[in-house]
Amino acid sequence: MAVLLRLPLFVLLAAMTGLAMMLPAAYASVHNNDALARDFFYSGLLVLVVAGLIGLATAANPRRTRPRDTLLTMLAVYAGMPLIMALPFSEAMPDTGLFNAWWEMTSALTTTGASLYSADLLPMPLHLWRAMAGWMGGFFILAAATAILAPLHIGGFEIMAQPYGRREYLERLPRSADPLDRNPHLSAPGFQTVLTHPHYRLMRSAIAVFPVYAGLTLALWLILLVLGDPGLIALCRAMGTLSTSGISPVLGPPGVSSGLPGEMAVFLFLIPALSRRFWPGGGALRATDRLVDDPELKMAAGFVALVALSLFARHFLGAIDSARAPDGSPEILHDLRSGLAAFWGGLFNSLSYLTTTGWTSIDWQGARAWSGLTSPGLILAGLAMMGGGVATTAGGVKLLRVYALARHGQREMERIVHPNSIAGGGQIARRLRREGAYLAFIFFMLFATSIAVCVALVSIQRIEIETATILSIAALTNTGPLAAAIPLTPAFEATAGIASAPWEGWSGLPPFTKAVLAGAMIVGRMETLAVLALFSPQFWRR
């Protein structure tokens, strides 16, 4: 353990990435794809050798790790690790270039799931590598949330953190006659042990999260295998579900083989992306003791049910209009199965886009055919902007922030009716209505500003404003499949090698636009507050 703590965190993660490349190499070798097997094996070997040399050079003269270094390392992981992951990808697809391969891996590692390539043009080992990159990105954010973001009170933890570093409603203020403590608790030299090392905190968090994360992935994989999905498709689908990356190795909905039971299984395994309660760590985010009272889960259930019923009513009314006889009299809607399928398609897509996964139900197109209406893509974009739970793999604004703003709005409405009323609810409820709502509003404004800046930069090129808006929302919310759910105008200037599907808004974009969207993916994954913390003078102060 002491040897690992002397190494830079980026070097350790690079070595793990090199080891992970051996799995696609083995898969390609088993399926007699020797060229791809060599690409992955040699790339992984090169990464391991370089990481080992850098580790030997840095371990001889270690330096003290400061809390801000972990946030910089987190930024370096999302910006630099895709370049390492892109080595086998660019070797396997030589006509695509290193830049497009880096963009592809950035999209996968940030769990965005956007792709420059049509699924039928990529060999299966590359699909496996993309799914693995998204799965590792989801695991990293789960571990880094409690080890890196929580001590800095960012990433959603600022909503539930105590404003003055103490429990102000339970603890007494220090007496003025008491001497001022120049060495607070964790800053005293006696407490500078291995337990306070940032790398050690990340390792402990990773060890706690990995059994649950890997166990749920394995369980969903086995369930999908039993229900009829092929092995690799079931594995990629399980990885894309738990990491909310939405990476699929097939065109169209990935649940064609397993059908409705497979979608029900995926639906259940998307629920952990709604609250940190289902994952180890993050106890400070628990607003209630009971699961049924969890505000994030209750809000998610309400929004999913509301959107599903609204979409069903929309398709139902459209079906009535399309089923009228020539004399204007309504016919009896005998196809009840189509109506239930339309309701399930809306329910599944609502949860899928709320968790920023982007899976599409196999009944989604059936609902469109039943009613004759187009897909309400803006509703899905709104769900993606709202996002899932704090400190989970989901992106977006996050449900706890939306809940804090809703409680604050409710309290302000009560004060209009009863100006002298006193609101109860306990310490946590007061915290959410006051400081929590204030911080949530700040983040919401920063998120809206990020969308505006991204749209302005994307619109520099010859791209329609609607297309630029959807691409920016998809990148900042880490919901890459959103671009495929909304019809976009293919106004592009170039192509990307053998990349296909330009109507999805990714493959034909100019390099500058791709770089802007890649930066938006990183900002959306780390959140704007964490990025702004890097520009704070106090952050760099000794």
Protein backbone atom coordinates (compact mmCIF):
# COMPACT_ATOMS: atom_id res chain seq x y z
CA MET A 1 0.00 0.00 0.00
CA ALA A 2 2.82 2.43 0.84
CA VAL A 3 4.38 1.85 -2.59
CA LEU A 4 1.09 2.65 -4.35
CA LEU A 5 0.66 5.85 -2.37
CA ARG A 6 4.04 7.08 -3.59
CA LEU A 7 2.91 6.86 -7.23
CA PRO A 8 0.86 9.54 -9.03
CA LEU A 9 -2.78 8.63 -9.31
CA PHE A 10 -2.81 9.14 -13.08
CA VAL A 11 0.02 6.60 -13.46
CA LEU A 12 -1.94 4.01 -11.47
CA LEU A 13 -5.06 4.56 -13.54
CA ALA A 14 -3.04 4.37 -16.77
CA ALA A 15 -1.60 1.03 -15.68
CA MET A 16 -5.10 -0.27 -14.94
CA THR A 17 -6.21 0.90 -18.37
CA GLY A 18 -3.33 -0.99 -19.97
CA LEU A 19 -4.39 -4.14 -18.13
CA ALA A 20 -8.00 -3.62 -19.24
CA MET A 21 -6.87 -3.62 -22.89
CA MET A 22 -5.95 -7.28 -22.53
CA LEU A 23 -9.62 -8.28 -22.31
CA PRO A 24 -10.58 -7.04 -25.81
CA ALA A 25 -7.29 -8.53 -27.04
CA ALA A 26 -8.29 -11.93 -25.64
CA TYR A 27 -11.80 -11.61 -27.08
CA ALA A 28 -10.46 -10.74 -30.52
CA SER A 29 -7.96 -13.61 -30.37
CA VAL A 30 -10.67 -16.13 -29.46
CA HIS A 31 -12.76 -14.99 -32.44
CA ASN A 32 -9.76 -15.30 -34.80
CA ASN A 33 -9.37 -11.55 -35.29
CA ASP A 34 -5.61 -11.57 -34.91
CA ALA A 35 -5.06 -8.04 -36.23
CA LEU A 36 -7.31 -6.46 -33.59
CA ALA A 37 -5.85 -8.73 -30.92
CA ARG A 38 -2.36 -7.46 -31.74
CA ASP A 39 -3.53 -3.84 -31.69
CA PHE A 40 -4.98 -4.15 -28.21
CA PHE A 41 -2.18 -6.32 -26.85
CA TYR A 42 0.65 -4.11 -28.11
CA SER A 43 -1.14 -0.94 -27.02
CA GLY A 44 -1.75 -2.34 -23.55
CA LEU A 45 1.84 -3.51 -23.31
CA LEU A 46 3.11 -0.08 -24.37
CA VAL A 47 0.92 1.66 -21.77
CA LEU A 48 2.11 -0.70 -19.04
CA VAL A 49 5.77 -0.17 -19.90
CA VAL A 50 5.50 3.62 -20.04
CA ALA A 51 3.45 3.73 -16.84
CA GLY A 52 6.01 1.51 -15.13
CA LEU A 53 8.91 3.73 -16.18
CA ILE A 54 7.13 6.88 -15.03
CA GLY A 55 6.18 5.16 -11.79
CA LEU A 56 9.80 4.21 -11.09
CA ALA A 57 10.94 7.76 -11.80
CA THR A 58 8.32 9.41 -9.57
CA ALA A 59 8.41 6.90 -6.70
CA ALA A 60 12.01 7.77 -5.95
CA ASN A 61 11.12 11.39 -5.17
CA PRO A 62 7.48 11.53 -4.02
CA ARG A 63 5.90 14.84 -3.11
CA ARG A 64 3.18 15.59 -0.65
CA THR A 65 -0.27 15.31 -2.19
CA ARG A 66 -2.60 18.20 -1.50
CA PRO A 67 -6.41 18.03 -1.70
CA ARG A 68 -6.46 20.21 -4.81
CA ASP A 69 -4.21 17.76 -6.63
CA THR A 70 -6.97 15.15 -6.61
CA LEU A 71 -9.34 17.51 -8.42
CA LEU A 72 -6.64 18.26 -10.98
CA THR A 73 -6.07 14.52 -11.37
CA MET A 74 -9.79 14.04 -11.92
CA LEU A 75 -9.70 16.62 -14.69
CA ALA A 76 -6.58 14.97 -16.15
CA VAL A 77 -8.33 11.59 -16.15
CA TYR A 78 -11.27 12.81 -18.22
CA ALA A 79 -9.10 14.89 -20.55
CA GLY A 80 -5.96 12.74 -20.87
CA MET A 81 -7.02 9.16 -20.22
CA PRO A 82 -9.12 9.03 -23.43
CA LEU A 83 -5.91 9.69 -25.35
CA ILE A 84 -4.43 6.50 -23.87
CA MET A 85 -7.64 4.58 -24.53
CA ALA A 86 -7.64 5.84 -28.12
CA LEU A 87 -4.36 4.10 -29.01
CA PRO A 88 -5.85 0.69 -29.92
CA PHE A 89 -8.91 2.38 -31.42
CA SER A 90 -6.86 4.52 -33.79
CA GLU A 91 -4.67 1.54 -34.73
CA ALA A 92 -7.70 -0.58 -35.50
CA MET A 93 -9.33 2.24 -37.50
CA PRO A 94 -6.35 3.88 -39.25
CA ASP A 95 -8.46 6.07 -41.53
CA THR A 96 -10.24 7.79 -38.68
CA GLY A 97 -7.29 9.56 -37.04
CA LEU A 98 -6.16 9.94 -33.46
CA PHE A 99 -8.35 13.01 -32.86
CA ASN A 100 -11.60 11.20 -33.70
CA ALA A 101 -10.49 8.21 -31.64
CA TRP A 102 -9.79 10.53 -28.69
CA TRP A 103 -13.24 12.08 -29.11
CA GLU A 104 -14.84 8.64 -29.17
CA MET A 105 -13.10 7.59 -25.97
CA THR A 106 -13.90 10.91 -24.29
CA SER A 107 -17.56 10.31 -25.04
CA ALA A 108 -17.32 6.79 -23.61
CA LEU A 109 -15.31 7.65 -20.48
CA THR A 110 -17.64 10.53 -19.55
CA THR A 111 -20.59 8.08 -19.95
CA THR A 112 -22.02 10.24 -22.73
CA GLY A 113 -22.30 7.40 -25.21
CA ALA A 114 -22.22 9.51 -28.38
CA SER A 115 -20.46 7.86 -31.31
CA LEU A 116 -19.00 8.97 -34.61
CA TYR A 117 -19.51 5.52 -36.08
CA SER A 118 -22.45 3.45 -37.11
CA ALA A 119 -22.72 0.32 -35.01
CA ASP A 120 -22.62 -2.00 -38.03
CA LEU A 121 -19.26 -0.56 -39.18
CA LEU A 122 -17.30 -1.35 -36.00
CA PRO A 123 -16.00 -4.81 -35.15
CA MET A 124 -17.21 -6.35 -31.90
CA PRO A 125 -13.89 -5.98 -29.99
CA LEU A 126 -14.10 -2.21 -30.47
CA HIS A 127 -17.69 -2.22 -29.21
CA LEU A 128 -16.49 -4.14 -26.18
CA TRP A 129 -13.74 -1.57 -25.59
CA ARG A 130 -16.19 1.33 -25.86
CA ALA A 131 -18.53 -0.35 -23.37
CA MET A 132 -15.63 -1.06 -21.03
CA ALA A 133 -14.49 2.57 -21.23
CA GLY A 134 -17.98 3.76 -20.30
CA TRP A 135 -18.18 1.20 -17.50
CA MET A 136 -14.82 2.29 -16.08
CA GLY A 137 -15.88 5.93 -16.35
CA GLY A 138 -19.01 5.21 -14.33
CA PHE A 139 -17.02 3.35 -11.70
CA PHE A 140 -14.52 6.18 -11.44
CA ILE A 141 -17.18 8.84 -10.84
CA LEU A 142 -18.85 6.68 -8.17
CA ALA A 143 -15.55 6.31 -6.32
CA ALA A 144 -14.38 9.88 -6.88
CA ALA A 145 -17.67 11.37 -5.70
CA THR A 146 -17.10 10.43 -2.06
CA ALA A 147 -13.29 10.49 -2.12
CA ILE A 148 -12.64 13.71 -4.08
CA LEU A 149 -15.80 15.78 -4.45
CA ALA A 150 -17.29 15.23 -0.99
CA PRO A 151 -14.32 16.67 1.00
CA LEU A 152 -14.36 19.75 -1.27
CA HIS A 153 -18.14 20.17 -0.88
CA ILE A 154 -18.82 20.17 -4.63
CA GLY A 155 -20.58 17.82 -7.02
CA GLY A 156 -23.88 18.05 -5.14
CA PHE A 157 -22.46 17.55 -1.65
CA GLU A 158 -22.58 21.30 -1.08
CA ILE A 159 -26.38 21.12 -0.79
CA MET A 160 -26.32 18.92 2.31
CA ALA A 161 -23.04 20.15 3.81
CA GLN A 162 -23.12 22.19 6.99
CA PRO A 163 -22.58 25.87 6.13
CA TYR A 164 -20.18 26.57 8.99
CA GLY A 165 -18.39 23.25 9.24
CA ARG A 166 -20.41 22.18 12.27
CA ARG A 167 -23.93 21.06 13.13
CA GLU A 168 -25.19 24.50 14.03
CA TYR A 169 -28.54 23.33 15.38
CA LEU A 170 -27.08 20.73 17.73
CA GLU A 171 -23.71 22.07 18.84
CA ARG A 172 -23.00 25.10 20.95
CA LEU A 173 -20.93 28.00 19.77
CA PRO A 174 -17.42 28.13 21.25
CA ARG A 175 -17.03 30.40 24.24
CA SER A 176 -15.25 33.67 23.51
CA ALA A 177 -12.84 33.05 26.39
CA ASP A 178 -11.60 29.81 24.81
CA PRO A 179 -8.25 30.10 23.03
CA LEU A 180 -8.33 30.05 19.23
CA ASP A 181 -7.24 26.69 17.85
CA ARG A 182 -4.66 27.38 15.16
CA ASN A 183 -4.57 23.66 14.27
CA PRO A 184 -8.07 22.33 13.60
CA HIS A 185 -8.77 18.63 13.64
CA LEU A 186 -7.48 17.22 10.36
CA SER A 187 -4.86 19.94 9.89
CA ALA A 188 -2.76 19.10 12.93
CA PRO A 189 0.52 17.30 12.18
CA GLY A 190 -0.53 14.36 14.35
CA PHE A 191 -3.41 13.59 12.02
CA GLN A 192 -1.32 13.52 8.82
CA THR A 193 -1.40 9.75 8.50
CA VAL A 194 -2.03 7.36 5.65
CA LEU A 195 -5.76 7.51 6.39
CA THR A 196 -5.93 11.15 5.29
CA HIS A 197 -4.01 10.60 2.05
CA PRO A 198 -6.26 11.49 -0.94
CA HIS A 199 -5.14 8.43 -2.88
CA TYR A 200 -5.94 6.21 0.07
CA ARG A 201 -9.43 7.71 0.32
CA LEU A 202 -9.98 7.00 -3.36
CA MET A 203 -8.76 3.41 -2.95
CA ARG A 204 -11.04 2.83 0.03
CA SER A 205 -13.99 4.26 -1.87
CA ALA A 206 -13.18 2.13 -4.93
CA ILE A 207 -12.88 -1.03 -2.81
CA ALA A 208 -16.27 -0.31 -1.24
CA VAL A 209 -18.04 0.50 -4.53
CA PHE A 210 -16.52 -2.14 -6.81
CA PRO A 211 -18.27 -5.26 -5.38
CA VAL A 212 -21.69 -3.63 -5.67
CA TYR A 213 -21.01 -2.09 -9.08
CA ALA A 214 -19.51 -5.24 -10.57
CA GLY A 215 -22.10 -7.47 -8.87
CA LEU A 216 -25.03 -5.55 -10.33
CA THR A 217 -23.41 -5.57 -13.77
CA LEU A 218 -22.85 -9.32 -13.59
CA ALA A 219 -26.40 -9.92 -12.37
CA LEU A 220 -27.93 -7.92 -15.22
CA TRP A 221 -25.65 -9.64 -17.73
CA LEU A 222 -26.80 -13.07 -16.57
CA ILE A 223 -30.45 -12.01 -16.61
CA LEU A 224 -30.18 -10.73 -20.17
CA LEU A 225 -28.38 -13.90 -21.24
CA VAL A 226 -31.19 -16.02 -19.83
CA LEU A 227 -33.78 -13.84 -21.57
CA GLY A 228 -32.17 -14.38 -24.98
CA ASP A 229 -29.66 -11.60 -25.64
CA PRO A 230 -26.36 -12.71 -27.26
CA GLY A 231 -23.35 -12.73 -24.96
CA LEU A 232 -21.52 -9.58 -26.04
CA ILE A 233 -24.71 -7.58 -26.60
CA ALA A 234 -25.94 -8.55 -23.13
CA LEU A 235 -22.58 -7.58 -21.59
CA CYS A 236 -22.44 -4.20 -23.35
CA ARG A 237 -26.05 -3.56 -22.43
CA ALA A 238 -25.38 -4.38 -18.77
CA MET A 239 -22.31 -2.13 -18.71
CA GLY A 240 -24.18 0.67 -20.46
CA THR A 241 -27.06 0.41 -17.99
CA LEU A 242 -25.06 0.50 -14.74
CA SER A 243 -22.74 3.23 -16.03
CA THR A 244 -25.64 5.13 -17.74
CA SER A 245 -23.47 5.43 -20.85
CA GLY A 246 -26.07 3.92 -23.19
CA ILE A 247 -23.37 2.37 -25.41
CA SER A 248 -24.85 -0.30 -27.68
CA PRO A 249 -23.13 -2.55 -30.25
CA VAL A 250 -26.26 -2.82 -32.44
CA LEU A 251 -28.38 -0.44 -34.47
CA GLY A 252 -31.76 0.47 -33.05
CA PRO A 253 -33.07 -0.64 -29.66
CA PRO A 254 -30.70 -3.15 -28.03
CA GLY A 255 -33.49 -5.18 -26.44
CA VAL A 256 -34.88 -6.81 -29.58
CA SER A 257 -33.74 -10.32 -28.60
CA SER A 258 -34.80 -10.24 -24.93
CA GLY A 259 -37.95 -8.27 -25.64
CA LEU A 260 -40.18 -6.83 -22.94
CA PRO A 261 -38.72 -8.93 -20.06
CA GLY A 262 -35.25 -7.67 -20.90
CA GLU A 263 -36.45 -4.07 -20.84
CA MET A 264 -38.11 -4.66 -17.48
CA ALA A 265 -34.82 -5.95 -16.11
CA VAL A 266 -32.95 -2.93 -17.46
CA PHE A 267 -35.66 -0.68 -16.00
CA LEU A 268 -35.04 -2.07 -12.51
CA PHE A 269 -31.28 -1.73 -12.81
CA LEU A 270 -31.61 1.92 -13.87
CA ILE A 271 -33.09 2.80 -10.47
CA PRO A 272 -29.65 2.91 -8.68
CA ALA A 273 -28.82 5.93 -10.85
CA LEU A 274 -31.55 7.91 -9.08
CA SER A 275 -30.00 8.08 -5.62
CA ARG A 276 -26.65 7.58 -3.91
CA ARG A 277 -28.55 5.60 -1.26
CA PHE A 278 -28.05 2.45 -3.32
CA TRP A 279 -24.25 2.80 -3.37
CA PRO A 280 -21.68 2.67 -0.55
CA GLY A 281 -20.63 6.03 0.81
CA GLY A 282 -22.43 9.31 0.46
CA GLY A 283 -24.21 9.04 3.78
CA ALA A 284 -24.17 12.83 4.04
CA LEU A 285 -26.60 12.95 1.10
CA ARG A 286 -29.33 11.03 2.90
CA ALA A 287 -32.12 13.47 3.60
CA THR A 288 -34.34 10.80 5.19
CA ASP A 289 -33.81 7.58 7.10
CA ARG A 290 -36.43 5.56 5.24
CA LEU A 291 -36.15 4.57 1.59
CA VAL A 292 -39.77 5.41 0.80
CA ASP A 293 -39.25 8.99 1.99
CA ASP A 294 -36.17 9.64 -0.12
CA PRO A 295 -36.81 12.96 -1.93
CA GLU A 296 -34.85 12.02 -5.05
CA LEU A 297 -36.73 8.76 -5.52
CA LYS A 298 -40.11 10.34 -4.89
CA MET A 299 -39.40 13.15 -7.34
CA ALA A 300 -38.09 10.71 -9.95
CA ALA A 301 -41.17 8.51 -9.58
CA GLY A 302 -43.44 11.52 -9.96
CA PHE A 303 -41.71 12.85 -13.06
CA VAL A 304 -41.47 9.43 -14.74
CA ALA A 305 -45.15 8.69 -14.10
CA LEU A 306 -46.24 12.16 -15.21
CA VAL A 307 -44.24 12.04 -18.45
CA ALA A 308 -45.34 8.47 -19.20
CA LEU A 309 -49.03 9.35 -18.71
CA SER A 310 -48.64 12.52 -20.78
CA LEU A 311 -47.01 10.64 -23.64
CA PHE A 312 -49.67 7.92 -23.46
CA ALA A 313 -52.45 10.51 -23.56
CA ARG A 314 -50.76 12.22 -26.49
CA HIS A 315 -50.49 8.99 -28.48
CA PHE A 316 -53.99 7.94 -27.42
CA LEU A 317 -55.54 11.14 -28.72
CA GLY A 318 -53.49 10.84 -31.90
CA ALA A 319 -54.75 7.28 -32.38
CA ILE A 320 -58.36 8.41 -31.96
CA ASP A 321 -57.93 11.11 -34.60
CA SER A 322 -56.30 8.69 -37.03
CA ALA A 323 -59.00 6.03 -36.48
CA ARG A 324 -62.01 8.16 -37.40
CA ALA A 325 -64.28 6.93 -40.12
CA PRO A 326 -64.95 8.99 -43.26
CA ASP A 327 -68.24 10.27 -41.80
CA GLY A 328 -66.43 11.51 -38.68
CA SER A 329 -67.70 8.89 -36.19
CA PRO A 330 -64.99 7.41 -33.92
CA GLU A 331 -64.29 3.71 -34.33
CA ILE A 332 -63.76 1.27 -31.45
CA LEU A 333 -60.07 1.01 -30.59
CA HIS A 334 -59.73 -2.74 -30.50
CA ASP A 335 -55.94 -2.85 -30.32
CA LEU A 336 -55.47 -2.56 -26.56
CA ARG A 337 -52.02 -4.11 -26.84
CA SER A 338 -50.79 -1.16 -28.87
CA GLY A 339 -51.97 1.22 -26.17
CA LEU A 340 -50.22 -0.72 -23.39
CA ALA A 341 -47.07 -0.94 -25.48
CA ALA A 342 -47.18 2.81 -26.02
CA PHE A 343 -47.50 3.36 -22.26
CA TRP A 344 -44.56 1.07 -21.52
CA GLY A 345 -42.45 2.74 -24.20
CA GLY A 346 -43.07 6.14 -22.62
CA LEU A 347 -42.39 4.81 -19.12
CA PHE A 348 -39.12 3.13 -20.10
CA ASN A 349 -37.86 6.09 -22.13
CA SER A 350 -38.74 8.51 -19.35
CA LEU A 351 -36.57 6.68 -16.80
CA SER A 352 -33.87 6.04 -19.38
CA TYR A 353 -33.46 9.71 -20.27
CA LEU A 354 -33.95 10.89 -16.68
CA THR A 355 -30.91 8.81 -15.73
CA THR A 356 -29.14 10.17 -18.87
CA THR A 357 -28.71 6.63 -20.23
CA GLY A 358 -30.55 7.08 -23.51
CA TRP A 359 -31.85 3.55 -24.09
CA THR A 360 -34.87 3.47 -26.39
CA SER A 361 -37.70 1.01 -25.89
CA ILE A 362 -38.60 -1.39 -28.66
CA ASP A 363 -42.20 -0.16 -28.28
CA TRP A 364 -41.22 3.50 -28.81
CA GLN A 365 -41.52 3.29 -32.58
CA GLY A 366 -44.68 1.22 -32.17
CA ALA A 367 -46.25 4.05 -30.21
CA ARG A 368 -45.43 6.43 -33.04
CA ALA A 369 -46.95 4.06 -35.59
CA TRP A 370 -50.05 3.61 -33.41
CA SER A 371 -50.75 7.33 -33.10
CA GLY A 372 -49.11 8.64 -36.27
CA LEU A 373 -47.26 11.32 -34.29
CA THR A 374 -43.57 12.15 -34.18
CA SER A 375 -41.35 11.60 -31.14
CA PRO A 376 -41.64 14.33 -28.46
CA GLY A 377 -37.89 14.77 -28.26
CA LEU A 378 -37.97 18.01 -26.28
CA ILE A 379 -39.62 16.20 -23.38
CA LEU A 380 -36.76 13.72 -23.35
CA ALA A 381 -34.27 16.59 -23.50
CA GLY A 382 -35.94 18.16 -20.47
CA LEU A 383 -35.65 14.90 -18.54
CA ALA A 384 -31.98 14.62 -19.46
CA MET A 385 -31.34 18.17 -18.25
CA MET A 386 -32.97 17.32 -14.93
CA GLY A 387 -30.71 14.28 -14.53
CA GLY A 388 -30.51 11.55 -11.91
CA GLY A 389 -29.23 11.35 -8.37
CA VAL A 390 -26.36 13.28 -6.81
CA ALA A 391 -23.02 11.40 -6.69
CA THR A 392 -24.24 8.74 -9.12
CA THR A 393 -23.29 7.93 -12.70
CA ALA A 394 -26.13 10.09 -14.06
CA GLY A 395 -25.56 13.57 -15.40
CA GLY A 396 -27.70 16.68 -15.61
CA VAL A 397 -28.65 19.18 -12.93
CA LYS A 398 -29.46 16.32 -10.47
CA LEU A 399 -32.71 15.58 -8.67
CA LEU A 400 -31.66 16.82 -5.23
CA ARG A 401 -31.03 20.31 -6.60
CA VAL A 402 -34.43 20.31 -8.32
CA TYR A 403 -36.01 19.15 -5.06
CA ALA A 404 -34.33 21.94 -3.08
CA LEU A 405 -35.62 24.54 -5.53
CA ALA A 406 -39.11 23.02 -5.40
CA ARG A 407 -39.19 23.11 -1.59
CA HIS A 408 -37.99 26.70 -1.59
CA GLY A 409 -40.69 27.65 -4.09
CA GLN A 410 -43.31 25.87 -2.00
CA ARG A 411 -42.20 27.75 1.09
CA GLU A 412 -42.34 31.09 -0.72
CA MET A 413 -45.89 30.34 -1.86
CA GLU A 414 -46.85 29.55 1.74
CA ARG A 415 -45.37 32.84 2.90
CA ILE A 416 -47.49 34.72 0.36
CA VAL A 417 -50.64 33.24 1.90
CA HIS A 418 -49.40 33.24 5.52
CA PRO A 419 -46.60 35.82 5.90
CA ASN A 420 -46.06 35.10 9.62
CA SER A 421 -46.05 31.31 9.35
CA ILE A 422 -43.19 29.22 10.67
CA ALA A 423 -42.18 26.22 8.58
CA GLY A 424 -41.10 22.98 10.23
CA GLY A 425 -39.64 19.82 8.82
CA GLY A 426 -36.46 19.59 10.84
CA GLN A 427 -32.87 20.63 10.31
CA ILE A 428 -32.42 18.97 6.91
CA ALA A 429 -35.62 20.46 5.51
CA ARG A 430 -34.56 23.94 6.63
CA ARG A 431 -31.13 23.36 5.13
CA LEU A 432 -32.62 22.38 1.77
CA ARG A 433 -35.03 25.33 1.70
CA ARG A 434 -32.37 27.90 2.59
CA GLU A 435 -28.70 27.35 1.72
CA GLY A 436 -29.47 24.27 -0.38
CA ALA A 437 -31.90 26.11 -2.63
CA TYR A 438 -29.49 29.04 -2.90
CA LEU A 439 -26.62 26.81 -4.02
CA ALA A 440 -28.91 24.84 -6.33
CA PHE A 441 -30.03 28.07 -8.00
CA ILE A 442 -26.39 29.10 -8.50
CA PHE A 443 -25.60 25.76 -10.13
CA PHE A 444 -28.71 25.96 -12.31
CA MET A 445 -27.66 29.39 -13.56
CA LEU A 446 -24.14 28.10 -14.24
CA PHE A 447 -25.60 25.13 -16.10
CA ALA A 448 -27.80 27.41 -18.21
CA THR A 449 -24.82 29.65 -18.92
CA SER A 450 -22.78 26.60 -19.96
CA ILE A 451 -25.49 25.62 -22.44
CA ALA A 452 -25.58 29.15 -23.85
CA VAL A 453 -21.80 29.30 -24.24
CA CYS A 454 -21.67 25.84 -25.82
CA VAL A 455 -24.47 26.68 -28.26
CA ALA A 456 -22.70 29.91 -29.23
CA LEU A 457 -19.42 28.09 -29.89
CA VAL A 458 -21.09 25.27 -31.82
CA SER A 459 -23.09 27.76 -33.90
CA ILE A 460 -19.88 29.36 -35.18
CA GLN A 461 -19.85 26.67 -37.84
CA ARG A 462 -22.62 26.22 -40.40
CA ILE A 463 -24.96 24.33 -38.09
CA GLU A 464 -28.65 25.01 -37.51
CA ILE A 465 -29.49 26.55 -34.15
CA GLU A 466 -31.84 23.66 -33.24
CA THR A 467 -29.13 21.15 -34.00
CA ALA A 468 -26.55 23.14 -32.01
CA THR A 469 -28.89 23.33 -29.02
CA ILE A 470 -29.63 19.62 -28.92
CA LEU A 471 -25.97 18.69 -29.39
CA SER A 472 -24.97 21.04 -26.57
CA ILE A 473 -27.62 19.65 -24.21
CA ALA A 474 -26.64 16.09 -25.11
CA ALA A 475 -22.97 16.81 -24.37
CA LEU A 476 -23.47 18.76 -21.13
CA THR A 477 -25.94 16.23 -19.73
CA ASN A 478 -23.82 13.24 -20.89
CA THR A 479 -26.76 11.85 -22.89
CA GLY A 480 -25.30 11.10 -26.30
CA PRO A 481 -28.30 9.10 -27.66
CA LEU A 482 -30.44 12.22 -27.25
CA ALA A 483 -29.23 13.41 -30.65
CA ALA A 484 -30.76 10.32 -32.24
CA ALA A 485 -34.13 10.81 -30.51
CA ILE A 486 -34.74 14.22 -32.08
CA PRO A 487 -34.66 14.82 -35.85
CA LEU A 488 -31.67 17.04 -36.58
CA THR A 489 -30.70 18.97 -39.68
CA PRO A 490 -27.53 17.46 -41.20
CA ALA A 491 -25.74 20.71 -42.07
CA PHE A 492 -22.12 19.62 -41.90
CA GLU A 493 -18.93 20.46 -43.77
CA ALA A 494 -16.88 17.28 -43.59
CA THR A 495 -16.92 13.60 -42.87
CA ALA A 496 -14.96 11.47 -40.43
CA GLY A 497 -13.41 8.59 -42.34
CA ILE A 498 -15.82 5.68 -42.39
CA ALA A 499 -18.04 7.35 -39.83
CA SER A 500 -21.71 7.04 -40.57
CA ALA A 501 -25.10 8.29 -39.38
CA PRO A 502 -24.52 12.05 -39.90
CA TRP A 503 -28.20 12.63 -39.12
CA GLU A 504 -27.38 11.94 -35.47
CA GLY A 505 -25.32 15.10 -35.46
CA TRP A 506 -21.86 13.80 -34.54
CA SER A 507 -19.89 12.21 -37.37
CA GLY A 508 -19.84 15.08 -39.85
CA LEU A 509 -19.00 17.86 -37.40
CA PRO A 510 -15.88 20.00 -37.97
CA PRO A 511 -12.89 19.39 -35.65
CA PHE A 512 -13.45 22.67 -33.77
CA THR A 513 -17.05 21.74 -32.99
CA LYS A 514 -16.02 18.26 -31.89
CA ALA A 515 -13.43 19.76 -29.54
CA VAL A 516 -16.05 22.10 -28.05
CA LEU A 517 -18.50 19.24 -27.50
CA ALA A 518 -15.77 17.07 -25.98
CA GLY A 519 -14.99 19.88 -23.53
CA ALA A 520 -18.72 20.15 -22.77
CA MET A 521 -18.81 16.42 -21.99
CA ILE A 522 -15.96 16.81 -19.51
CA VAL A 523 -17.56 19.86 -17.90
CA GLY A 524 -20.89 18.05 -17.67
CA ARG A 525 -19.26 15.02 -16.06
CA MET A 526 -17.22 16.99 -13.50
CA GLU A 527 -19.94 19.68 -13.10
CA THR A 528 -19.42 23.39 -13.52
CA LEU A 529 -18.74 24.13 -9.84
CA ALA A 530 -15.81 21.70 -9.80
CA VAL A 531 -14.33 23.30 -12.92
CA LEU A 532 -14.79 26.81 -11.51
CA ALA A 533 -13.08 25.72 -8.29
CA LEU A 534 -9.89 25.29 -10.31
CA PHE A 535 -9.97 29.01 -11.11
CA SER A 536 -10.46 30.12 -7.53
CA PRO A 537 -7.46 31.89 -5.92
CA GLN A 538 -8.19 30.16 -2.61
CA PHE A 539 -7.91 26.81 -4.34
CA TRP A 540 -4.28 27.53 -5.31
CA ARG A 541 -3.33 29.24 -2.06
CA ARG A 542 -0.80 27.36 0.05
